[in-house]
């Protein structure tokens, strides 16, 4: 199936951002990257803000598709533990682009953009509302997986494959094993 013009434009905007940073993302640069005239792009996105909103939705939709594929069952048929485990596994092995990080950071300055990401997170690994050990473990695993994703998205010292595998294994245990009661030997 051939992608829509709208999808081609969104993918082009991500490529511009990946190569040159989010400040280089203009309607002109996006139109050129997509092989369109600026008028052709304006047919779909009247302003840069409209484009940014659509990009955030596009990125979240792509992530949600990967999450559902990892889950292996419809979202509604999965337990919170299964959804949390799928989220952690996808984030731990996921493709990391600098553009993804740039768009996430950009969303924090705009409540409408941030809401798109917040809603995704609430569906997959919600912020705990109680001291339930299972919810706390899932949220801790989410924070660690998000942190490791960000670590990979920024320049710095890369992890060896051996260390990355060990971290994935430890996070996987947080999302699958029964939580330890507070005050046990492992808490020391």
N, C-alpha and C. Protein backbone atom coordinates (compact mmCIF):
# COMPACT_ATOMS: atom_id res chain seq x y z
N UNK A 1 0.84 -1.17 0.00
CA UNK A 1 0.00 0.00 0.00
C UNK A 1 0.89 1.24 0.00
N UNK A 2 0.56 2.18 -0.84
CA UNK A 2 1.35 3.40 -0.98
C UNK A 2 1.03 4.36 0.17
N UNK A 3 2.07 4.91 0.83
CA UNK A 3 1.80 5.85 1.92
C UNK A 3 1.12 7.12 1.41
N UNK A 4 0.31 7.71 2.26
CA UNK A 4 -0.39 8.95 1.89
C UNK A 4 0.61 10.10 1.81
N UNK A 5 0.21 11.16 1.12
CA UNK A 5 1.07 12.35 1.05
C UNK A 5 1.35 12.88 2.44
N UNK A 6 0.35 12.82 3.29
CA UNK A 6 0.50 13.30 4.67
C UNK A 6 1.59 12.51 5.40
N UNK A 7 1.59 11.19 5.26
CA UNK A 7 2.61 10.36 5.90
C UNK A 7 3.99 10.64 5.31
N UNK A 8 4.06 10.82 4.01
CA UNK A 8 5.35 11.16 3.38
C UNK A 8 5.89 12.47 3.92
N UNK A 9 5.01 13.45 4.13
CA UNK A 9 5.43 14.74 4.68
C UNK A 9 5.94 14.57 6.11
N UNK A 10 5.22 13.80 6.92
CA UNK A 10 5.63 13.59 8.30
C UNK A 10 6.98 12.87 8.37
N UNK A 11 7.15 11.85 7.54
CA UNK A 11 8.44 11.15 7.50
C UNK A 11 9.56 12.09 7.05
N UNK A 12 9.26 12.96 6.10
CA UNK A 12 10.25 13.93 5.62
C UNK A 12 10.63 14.89 6.75
N UNK A 13 9.66 15.34 7.53
CA UNK A 13 9.93 16.25 8.64
C UNK A 13 10.83 15.58 9.68
N UNK A 14 10.59 14.31 9.94
CA UNK A 14 11.44 13.58 10.88
C UNK A 14 12.86 13.48 10.34
N UNK A 15 13.01 13.21 9.05
CA UNK A 15 14.36 13.13 8.46
C UNK A 15 15.09 14.47 8.57
N UNK A 16 14.39 15.57 8.29
CA UNK A 16 15.02 16.90 8.41
C UNK A 16 15.52 17.10 9.83
N UNK A 17 14.68 16.77 10.79
CA UNK A 17 15.05 16.93 12.19
C UNK A 17 16.19 16.02 12.58
N UNK A 18 16.19 14.80 12.08
CA UNK A 18 17.26 13.85 12.38
C UNK A 18 18.61 14.39 11.88
N UNK A 19 18.61 14.95 10.70
CA UNK A 19 19.86 15.44 10.11
C UNK A 19 20.32 16.77 10.68
N UNK A 20 19.37 17.70 10.88
CA UNK A 20 19.76 19.09 11.15
C UNK A 20 19.24 19.65 12.48
N UNK A 21 18.43 18.88 13.20
CA UNK A 21 17.90 19.38 14.47
C UNK A 21 16.54 20.01 14.30
N UNK A 22 15.84 20.16 15.40
CA UNK A 22 14.46 20.63 15.33
C UNK A 22 14.36 22.11 14.94
N UNK A 23 15.39 22.87 15.22
CA UNK A 23 15.33 24.28 14.83
C UNK A 23 15.39 24.44 13.31
N UNK A 24 15.91 23.46 12.60
CA UNK A 24 15.95 23.50 11.14
C UNK A 24 14.64 23.04 10.51
N UNK A 25 13.72 22.54 11.33
CA UNK A 25 12.45 22.05 10.80
C UNK A 25 11.55 23.24 10.47
N UNK A 26 11.48 23.54 9.20
CA UNK A 26 10.61 24.60 8.70
C UNK A 26 9.67 23.99 7.67
N UNK A 27 8.65 24.73 7.34
CA UNK A 27 7.75 24.24 6.29
C UNK A 27 8.49 24.13 4.96
N UNK A 28 9.36 25.09 4.67
CA UNK A 28 10.14 25.04 3.43
C UNK A 28 11.05 23.81 3.38
N UNK A 29 11.78 23.56 4.47
CA UNK A 29 12.70 22.42 4.52
C UNK A 29 11.93 21.11 4.41
N UNK A 30 10.77 21.04 5.04
CA UNK A 30 9.96 19.82 4.99
C UNK A 30 9.42 19.60 3.58
N UNK A 31 8.93 20.65 2.95
CA UNK A 31 8.42 20.53 1.58
C UNK A 31 9.52 20.05 0.64
N UNK A 32 10.69 20.64 0.76
CA UNK A 32 11.81 20.24 -0.10
C UNK A 32 12.17 18.77 0.12
N UNK A 33 12.27 18.36 1.38
CA UNK A 33 12.60 16.97 1.70
C UNK A 33 11.55 16.00 1.18
N UNK A 34 10.28 16.41 1.21
CA UNK A 34 9.19 15.55 0.76
C UNK A 34 9.00 15.60 -0.76
N UNK A 35 9.73 16.48 -1.43
CA UNK A 35 9.60 16.60 -2.88
C UNK A 35 8.31 17.29 -3.29
N UNK A 36 7.85 18.21 -2.47
CA UNK A 36 6.61 18.94 -2.74
C UNK A 36 6.89 20.43 -2.85
N UNK A 37 5.94 21.13 -3.38
CA UNK A 37 6.00 22.58 -3.30
C UNK A 37 5.52 22.98 -1.92
N UNK A 38 5.84 24.20 -1.52
CA UNK A 38 5.36 24.66 -0.22
C UNK A 38 3.83 24.68 -0.22
N UNK A 39 3.23 25.02 -1.35
CA UNK A 39 1.76 25.01 -1.45
C UNK A 39 1.19 23.62 -1.24
N UNK A 40 1.90 22.61 -1.76
CA UNK A 40 1.46 21.23 -1.56
C UNK A 40 1.51 20.83 -0.10
N UNK A 41 2.53 21.29 0.60
CA UNK A 41 2.64 21.01 2.03
C UNK A 41 1.57 21.78 2.80
N UNK A 42 1.34 23.04 2.42
CA UNK A 42 0.35 23.87 3.13
C UNK A 42 -1.06 23.32 2.97
N UNK A 43 -1.30 22.54 1.95
CA UNK A 43 -2.60 21.89 1.79
C UNK A 43 -2.88 20.98 2.99
N UNK A 44 -1.83 20.35 3.50
CA UNK A 44 -1.96 19.42 4.62
C UNK A 44 -1.71 20.08 5.98
N UNK A 45 -0.75 21.01 6.03
CA UNK A 45 -0.35 21.63 7.30
C UNK A 45 -0.20 23.13 7.08
N UNK A 46 -1.10 23.90 7.65
CA UNK A 46 -1.10 25.35 7.42
C UNK A 46 0.01 26.07 8.18
N UNK A 47 0.43 25.51 9.31
CA UNK A 47 1.47 26.16 10.12
C UNK A 47 2.47 25.12 10.61
N UNK A 48 3.59 25.61 11.12
CA UNK A 48 4.59 24.72 11.72
C UNK A 48 4.00 24.03 12.94
N UNK A 49 3.19 24.74 13.71
CA UNK A 49 2.55 24.12 14.87
C UNK A 49 1.63 22.98 14.46
N UNK A 50 0.89 23.14 13.35
CA UNK A 50 0.05 22.04 12.85
C UNK A 50 0.93 20.84 12.49
N UNK A 51 2.06 21.12 11.87
CA UNK A 51 2.99 20.05 11.49
C UNK A 51 3.55 19.36 12.74
N UNK A 52 3.96 20.13 13.73
CA UNK A 52 4.50 19.54 14.96
C UNK A 52 3.47 18.65 15.66
N UNK A 53 2.24 19.10 15.71
CA UNK A 53 1.18 18.30 16.33
C UNK A 53 0.99 16.98 15.57
N UNK A 54 0.97 17.06 14.27
CA UNK A 54 0.80 15.85 13.45
C UNK A 54 2.01 14.91 13.60
N UNK A 55 3.21 15.48 13.71
CA UNK A 55 4.41 14.65 13.89
C UNK A 55 4.32 13.90 15.21
N UNK A 56 3.93 14.59 16.28
CA UNK A 56 3.82 13.92 17.59
C UNK A 56 2.83 12.76 17.50
N UNK A 57 1.69 12.99 16.87
CA UNK A 57 0.70 11.92 16.73
C UNK A 57 1.24 10.78 15.88
N UNK A 58 1.97 11.11 14.83
CA UNK A 58 2.58 10.12 13.94
C UNK A 58 3.59 9.25 14.71
N UNK A 59 4.44 9.88 15.49
CA UNK A 59 5.44 9.14 16.26
C UNK A 59 4.78 8.25 17.31
N UNK A 60 3.78 8.78 17.99
CA UNK A 60 3.08 7.99 19.01
C UNK A 60 2.34 6.82 18.37
N UNK A 61 1.71 7.06 17.23
CA UNK A 61 1.01 5.98 16.53
C UNK A 61 1.99 4.87 16.15
N UNK A 62 3.17 5.23 15.66
CA UNK A 62 4.18 4.24 15.31
C UNK A 62 4.65 3.45 16.53
N UNK A 63 4.86 4.15 17.65
CA UNK A 63 5.27 3.47 18.88
C UNK A 63 4.16 2.55 19.36
N UNK A 64 2.93 3.02 19.31
CA UNK A 64 1.80 2.20 19.77
C UNK A 64 1.66 0.94 18.90
N UNK A 65 1.91 1.05 17.61
CA UNK A 65 1.87 -0.14 16.75
C UNK A 65 2.92 -1.15 17.17
N UNK A 66 4.13 -0.68 17.49
CA UNK A 66 5.19 -1.58 17.95
C UNK A 66 4.83 -2.21 19.30
N UNK A 67 4.20 -1.43 20.16
CA UNK A 67 3.80 -1.95 21.47
C UNK A 67 2.75 -3.04 21.34
N UNK A 68 1.75 -2.81 20.50
CA UNK A 68 0.69 -3.81 20.30
C UNK A 68 1.28 -5.08 19.67
N UNK A 69 2.19 -4.91 18.72
CA UNK A 69 2.82 -6.07 18.10
C UNK A 69 3.61 -6.87 19.14
N UNK A 70 4.32 -6.18 20.03
CA UNK A 70 5.07 -6.85 21.09
C UNK A 70 4.13 -7.56 22.05
N UNK A 71 3.01 -6.96 22.34
CA UNK A 71 2.04 -7.52 23.27
C UNK A 71 1.48 -8.83 22.74
N UNK A 72 1.21 -8.87 21.43
CA UNK A 72 0.72 -10.11 20.82
C UNK A 72 -0.77 -10.35 20.96
N UNK A 73 -1.45 -9.52 21.69
CA UNK A 73 -2.91 -9.58 21.85
C UNK A 73 -3.42 -8.15 21.81
N UNK A 74 -4.72 -7.97 21.57
CA UNK A 74 -5.24 -6.60 21.62
C UNK A 74 -5.02 -5.97 23.01
N UNK A 75 -4.79 -4.67 23.04
CA UNK A 75 -4.51 -3.95 24.27
C UNK A 75 -5.54 -4.28 25.35
N UNK A 76 -6.82 -4.30 24.97
CA UNK A 76 -7.90 -4.52 25.93
C UNK A 76 -7.82 -5.90 26.57
N UNK A 77 -7.24 -6.87 25.89
CA UNK A 77 -7.16 -8.23 26.41
C UNK A 77 -5.94 -8.49 27.27
N UNK A 78 -5.11 -7.49 27.48
CA UNK A 78 -3.87 -7.67 28.22
C UNK A 78 -4.01 -7.11 29.64
N UNK A 79 -3.25 -7.69 30.54
CA UNK A 79 -3.21 -7.20 31.91
C UNK A 79 -2.27 -6.00 31.98
N UNK A 80 -2.36 -5.20 33.04
CA UNK A 80 -1.40 -4.10 33.20
C UNK A 80 0.05 -4.59 33.22
N UNK A 81 0.30 -5.74 33.81
CA UNK A 81 1.66 -6.29 33.85
C UNK A 81 2.13 -6.63 32.44
N UNK A 82 1.28 -7.24 31.64
CA UNK A 82 1.64 -7.58 30.26
C UNK A 82 1.89 -6.31 29.44
N UNK A 83 1.05 -5.29 29.61
CA UNK A 83 1.26 -4.03 28.88
C UNK A 83 2.56 -3.37 29.31
N UNK A 84 2.83 -3.36 30.63
CA UNK A 84 4.07 -2.76 31.11
C UNK A 84 5.29 -3.50 30.60
N UNK A 85 5.22 -4.83 30.59
CA UNK A 85 6.34 -5.61 30.07
C UNK A 85 6.59 -5.34 28.59
N UNK A 86 5.52 -5.23 27.81
CA UNK A 86 5.67 -4.92 26.38
C UNK A 86 6.32 -3.56 26.19
N UNK A 87 5.88 -2.58 26.98
CA UNK A 87 6.45 -1.24 26.88
C UNK A 87 7.96 -1.28 27.17
N UNK A 88 8.33 -1.93 28.24
CA UNK A 88 9.75 -1.97 28.63
C UNK A 88 10.57 -2.68 27.56
N UNK A 89 10.09 -3.80 27.04
CA UNK A 89 10.86 -4.54 26.02
C UNK A 89 11.03 -3.71 24.76
N UNK A 90 9.98 -3.03 24.32
CA UNK A 90 10.08 -2.22 23.11
C UNK A 90 11.06 -1.06 23.31
N UNK A 91 10.97 -0.40 24.45
CA UNK A 91 11.86 0.73 24.70
C UNK A 91 13.32 0.28 24.84
N UNK A 92 13.53 -0.89 25.43
CA UNK A 92 14.90 -1.38 25.63
C UNK A 92 15.59 -1.74 24.32
N UNK A 93 14.84 -2.23 23.38
CA UNK A 93 15.48 -2.64 22.12
C UNK A 93 15.10 -1.72 20.96
N UNK A 94 14.31 -0.72 21.24
CA UNK A 94 13.77 0.13 20.18
C UNK A 94 14.80 0.91 19.42
N UNK A 95 14.41 1.27 18.23
CA UNK A 95 15.22 2.14 17.39
C UNK A 95 15.28 3.51 18.06
N UNK A 96 16.45 4.06 18.13
CA UNK A 96 16.63 5.36 18.74
C UNK A 96 17.09 6.34 17.68
N UNK A 97 16.29 7.38 17.49
CA UNK A 97 16.68 8.45 16.58
C UNK A 97 16.77 9.74 17.39
N UNK A 98 17.71 10.57 17.04
CA UNK A 98 17.83 11.86 17.72
C UNK A 98 16.56 12.68 17.52
N UNK A 99 15.90 12.50 16.38
CA UNK A 99 14.67 13.24 16.11
C UNK A 99 13.58 12.88 17.10
N UNK A 100 13.47 11.61 17.47
CA UNK A 100 12.45 11.22 18.45
C UNK A 100 12.64 11.98 19.76
N UNK A 101 13.87 12.04 20.22
CA UNK A 101 14.16 12.76 21.46
C UNK A 101 13.85 14.25 21.29
N UNK A 102 14.22 14.82 20.15
CA UNK A 102 13.97 16.24 19.92
C UNK A 102 12.47 16.54 19.96
N UNK A 103 11.66 15.67 19.36
CA UNK A 103 10.21 15.92 19.36
C UNK A 103 9.62 15.72 20.75
N UNK A 104 10.13 14.77 21.51
CA UNK A 104 9.64 14.58 22.88
C UNK A 104 9.98 15.80 23.73
N UNK A 105 11.19 16.31 23.61
CA UNK A 105 11.59 17.49 24.37
C UNK A 105 10.74 18.68 23.94
N UNK A 106 10.52 18.84 22.65
CA UNK A 106 9.69 19.93 22.13
C UNK A 106 8.28 19.87 22.71
N UNK A 107 7.77 18.68 22.93
CA UNK A 107 6.40 18.54 23.42
C UNK A 107 6.25 19.07 24.85
N UNK A 108 7.32 19.09 25.60
CA UNK A 108 7.22 19.53 26.99
C UNK A 108 6.92 21.02 27.12
N UNK A 109 7.16 21.80 26.08
CA UNK A 109 6.87 23.23 26.15
C UNK A 109 5.48 23.56 25.64
N UNK A 110 4.73 22.53 25.24
CA UNK A 110 3.40 22.75 24.69
C UNK A 110 2.45 21.70 25.26
N UNK A 111 1.50 22.12 26.10
CA UNK A 111 0.61 21.14 26.74
C UNK A 111 -0.16 20.27 25.75
N UNK A 112 -0.52 20.80 24.60
CA UNK A 112 -1.25 20.00 23.61
C UNK A 112 -0.37 18.87 23.07
N UNK A 113 0.89 19.17 22.84
CA UNK A 113 1.82 18.15 22.35
C UNK A 113 2.15 17.15 23.46
N UNK A 114 2.35 17.65 24.67
CA UNK A 114 2.69 16.77 25.80
C UNK A 114 1.56 15.80 26.09
N UNK A 115 0.33 16.24 25.94
CA UNK A 115 -0.82 15.38 26.23
C UNK A 115 -0.82 14.11 25.36
N UNK A 116 -0.34 14.23 24.13
CA UNK A 116 -0.28 13.06 23.24
C UNK A 116 0.61 11.98 23.85
N UNK A 117 1.79 12.36 24.34
CA UNK A 117 2.71 11.41 24.97
C UNK A 117 2.17 10.92 26.30
N UNK A 118 1.61 11.85 27.08
CA UNK A 118 1.07 11.48 28.40
C UNK A 118 -0.03 10.43 28.28
N UNK A 119 -0.89 10.58 27.29
CA UNK A 119 -1.98 9.62 27.10
C UNK A 119 -1.43 8.24 26.73
N UNK A 120 -0.41 8.19 25.91
CA UNK A 120 0.22 6.92 25.56
C UNK A 120 0.78 6.25 26.81
N UNK A 121 1.52 7.01 27.60
CA UNK A 121 2.13 6.44 28.80
C UNK A 121 1.06 5.97 29.79
N UNK A 122 -0.02 6.70 29.90
CA UNK A 122 -1.08 6.33 30.83
C UNK A 122 -1.74 5.01 30.39
N UNK A 123 -1.82 4.77 29.10
CA UNK A 123 -2.40 3.52 28.61
C UNK A 123 -1.49 2.33 28.87
N UNK A 124 -0.18 2.54 28.78
CA UNK A 124 0.75 1.41 28.83
C UNK A 124 1.37 1.19 30.19
N UNK A 125 1.86 2.22 30.84
CA UNK A 125 2.49 2.09 32.16
C UNK A 125 2.12 3.34 32.96
N UNK A 126 0.95 3.32 33.58
CA UNK A 126 0.50 4.53 34.29
C UNK A 126 1.33 4.84 35.53
N UNK A 127 1.28 6.09 35.92
CA UNK A 127 1.91 6.54 37.15
C UNK A 127 1.17 5.84 38.30
N UNK A 128 1.90 5.23 39.22
CA UNK A 128 1.24 4.52 40.33
C UNK A 128 0.40 5.49 41.18
N UNK A 129 -0.75 5.00 41.59
CA UNK A 129 -1.63 5.79 42.46
C UNK A 129 -1.68 5.20 43.87
N UNK A 130 -0.92 4.14 44.08
CA UNK A 130 -0.89 3.51 45.40
C UNK A 130 0.50 2.92 45.61
N UNK A 131 0.68 2.30 46.75
CA UNK A 131 1.96 1.67 47.08
C UNK A 131 2.01 0.20 46.68
N UNK A 132 1.10 -0.22 45.82
CA UNK A 132 1.07 -1.60 45.34
C UNK A 132 2.43 -1.95 44.73
N UNK A 133 3.10 -2.98 45.24
CA UNK A 133 4.45 -3.32 44.74
C UNK A 133 4.48 -3.62 43.24
N UNK A 134 3.46 -4.24 42.70
CA UNK A 134 3.45 -4.56 41.26
C UNK A 134 3.45 -3.26 40.44
N UNK A 135 2.60 -2.32 40.79
CA UNK A 135 2.56 -1.04 40.08
C UNK A 135 3.86 -0.27 40.21
N UNK A 136 4.45 -0.33 41.40
CA UNK A 136 5.72 0.35 41.61
C UNK A 136 6.84 -0.28 40.77
N UNK A 137 6.87 -1.62 40.72
CA UNK A 137 7.89 -2.30 39.90
C UNK A 137 7.73 -1.97 38.42
N UNK A 138 6.49 -1.98 37.95
CA UNK A 138 6.26 -1.66 36.53
C UNK A 138 6.69 -0.23 36.21
N UNK A 139 6.36 0.69 37.10
CA UNK A 139 6.73 2.08 36.86
C UNK A 139 8.24 2.26 36.94
N UNK A 140 8.88 1.60 37.88
CA UNK A 140 10.34 1.65 37.99
C UNK A 140 10.99 1.10 36.71
N UNK A 141 10.46 0.01 36.19
CA UNK A 141 10.98 -0.56 34.95
C UNK A 141 10.78 0.41 33.79
N UNK A 142 9.61 1.08 33.76
CA UNK A 142 9.36 2.08 32.71
C UNK A 142 10.37 3.21 32.79
N UNK A 143 10.61 3.73 33.99
CA UNK A 143 11.56 4.83 34.14
C UNK A 143 12.96 4.41 33.71
N UNK A 144 13.35 3.20 34.08
CA UNK A 144 14.67 2.70 33.69
C UNK A 144 14.76 2.52 32.18
N UNK A 145 13.73 1.93 31.58
CA UNK A 145 13.73 1.72 30.12
C UNK A 145 13.75 3.06 29.39
N UNK A 146 12.96 4.03 29.87
CA UNK A 146 12.97 5.36 29.26
C UNK A 146 14.34 6.00 29.40
N UNK A 147 14.95 5.84 30.59
CA UNK A 147 16.28 6.41 30.81
C UNK A 147 17.33 5.78 29.92
N UNK A 148 17.26 4.47 29.73
CA UNK A 148 18.21 3.81 28.85
C UNK A 148 17.98 4.19 27.39
N UNK A 149 16.71 4.38 27.02
CA UNK A 149 16.40 4.85 25.66
C UNK A 149 17.02 6.23 25.45
N UNK A 150 16.86 7.11 26.45
CA UNK A 150 17.43 8.46 26.34
C UNK A 150 18.95 8.40 26.33
N UNK A 151 19.53 7.51 27.11
CA UNK A 151 20.98 7.32 27.13
C UNK A 151 21.47 6.97 25.73
N UNK A 152 20.74 6.08 25.04
CA UNK A 152 21.14 5.69 23.69
C UNK A 152 20.90 6.81 22.68
N UNK A 153 19.93 7.70 22.95
CA UNK A 153 19.59 8.77 22.02
C UNK A 153 20.52 9.96 22.10
N UNK A 154 21.34 10.01 23.15
CA UNK A 154 22.24 11.14 23.32
C UNK A 154 23.68 10.66 23.16
N UNK A 155 24.56 11.56 22.73
CA UNK A 155 25.96 11.15 22.57
C UNK A 155 26.57 10.84 23.93
N UNK A 156 27.47 9.94 23.93
CA UNK A 156 28.13 9.58 25.18
C UNK A 156 28.78 8.23 25.05
N UNK A 157 29.05 7.63 26.17
CA UNK A 157 29.69 6.33 26.18
C UNK A 157 28.65 5.25 25.90
N UNK A 158 28.84 4.47 24.85
CA UNK A 158 27.88 3.41 24.56
C UNK A 158 28.02 2.25 25.55
N UNK A 159 26.92 1.55 25.76
CA UNK A 159 26.95 0.35 26.59
C UNK A 159 27.45 -0.82 25.75
N UNK A 160 28.19 -1.70 26.39
CA UNK A 160 28.56 -2.92 25.68
C UNK A 160 27.30 -3.76 25.52
N UNK A 161 27.29 -4.64 24.56
CA UNK A 161 26.13 -5.50 24.36
C UNK A 161 25.89 -6.37 25.58
N UNK A 162 26.96 -6.80 26.23
CA UNK A 162 26.83 -7.63 27.43
C UNK A 162 26.11 -6.88 28.55
N UNK A 163 26.49 -5.63 28.77
CA UNK A 163 25.84 -4.82 29.81
C UNK A 163 24.40 -4.52 29.42
N UNK A 164 24.16 -4.17 28.16
CA UNK A 164 22.80 -3.89 27.71
C UNK A 164 21.90 -5.12 27.90
N UNK A 165 22.42 -6.29 27.59
CA UNK A 165 21.65 -7.53 27.76
C UNK A 165 21.33 -7.77 29.25
N UNK A 166 22.31 -7.54 30.11
CA UNK A 166 22.11 -7.73 31.55
C UNK A 166 21.05 -6.75 32.07
N UNK A 167 21.09 -5.52 31.59
CA UNK A 167 20.07 -4.55 32.01
C UNK A 167 18.68 -4.95 31.52
N UNK A 168 18.60 -5.41 30.27
CA UNK A 168 17.30 -5.88 29.75
C UNK A 168 16.78 -7.02 30.60
N UNK A 169 17.64 -7.97 30.96
CA UNK A 169 17.23 -9.11 31.79
C UNK A 169 16.71 -8.65 33.14
N UNK A 170 17.41 -7.71 33.76
CA UNK A 170 16.96 -7.22 35.08
C UNK A 170 15.63 -6.50 34.99
N UNK A 171 15.46 -5.71 33.96
CA UNK A 171 14.17 -5.00 33.80
C UNK A 171 13.06 -5.99 33.47
N UNK A 172 13.39 -7.01 32.70
CA UNK A 172 12.39 -8.02 32.38
C UNK A 172 11.91 -8.70 33.65
N UNK A 173 12.83 -8.96 34.57
CA UNK A 173 12.42 -9.58 35.85
C UNK A 173 11.49 -8.66 36.64
N UNK A 174 11.72 -7.36 36.56
CA UNK A 174 10.82 -6.43 37.26
C UNK A 174 9.41 -6.48 36.70
N UNK A 175 9.28 -6.79 35.42
CA UNK A 175 7.95 -6.78 34.81
C UNK A 175 7.30 -8.16 34.79
N UNK A 176 8.03 -9.19 35.22
CA UNK A 176 7.44 -10.53 35.18
C UNK A 176 7.41 -11.23 36.52
N UNK A 177 8.39 -10.97 37.37
CA UNK A 177 8.47 -11.67 38.66
C UNK A 177 7.52 -11.04 39.67
N UNK A 178 7.19 -11.82 40.65
CA UNK A 178 6.39 -11.28 41.76
C UNK A 178 7.25 -10.28 42.51
N UNK A 179 6.67 -9.14 42.86
CA UNK A 179 7.46 -8.14 43.57
C UNK A 179 7.89 -8.63 44.95
N UNK A 180 9.06 -8.17 45.36
CA UNK A 180 9.57 -8.50 46.69
C UNK A 180 8.87 -7.64 47.73
N UNK A 181 8.58 -8.23 48.87
CA UNK A 181 8.00 -7.46 49.96
C UNK A 181 9.05 -6.51 50.50
N UNK A 182 8.63 -5.34 50.91
CA UNK A 182 9.55 -4.35 51.46
C UNK A 182 10.25 -4.92 52.70
N UNK A 183 11.54 -4.63 52.79
CA UNK A 183 12.30 -5.06 53.96
C UNK A 183 12.94 -6.43 53.80
N UNK A 184 12.88 -7.01 52.60
CA UNK A 184 13.50 -8.32 52.39
C UNK A 184 14.99 -8.13 52.19
N UNK A 185 15.69 -9.26 52.14
CA UNK A 185 17.15 -9.25 51.98
C UNK A 185 17.56 -8.53 50.69
N UNK A 186 16.75 -8.68 49.59
CA UNK A 186 17.11 -8.04 48.33
C UNK A 186 17.04 -6.53 48.40
N UNK A 187 16.30 -5.97 49.37
CA UNK A 187 16.20 -4.53 49.52
C UNK A 187 17.47 -3.92 50.10
N UNK A 188 18.31 -4.75 50.69
CA UNK A 188 19.51 -4.24 51.35
C UNK A 188 20.56 -3.85 50.37
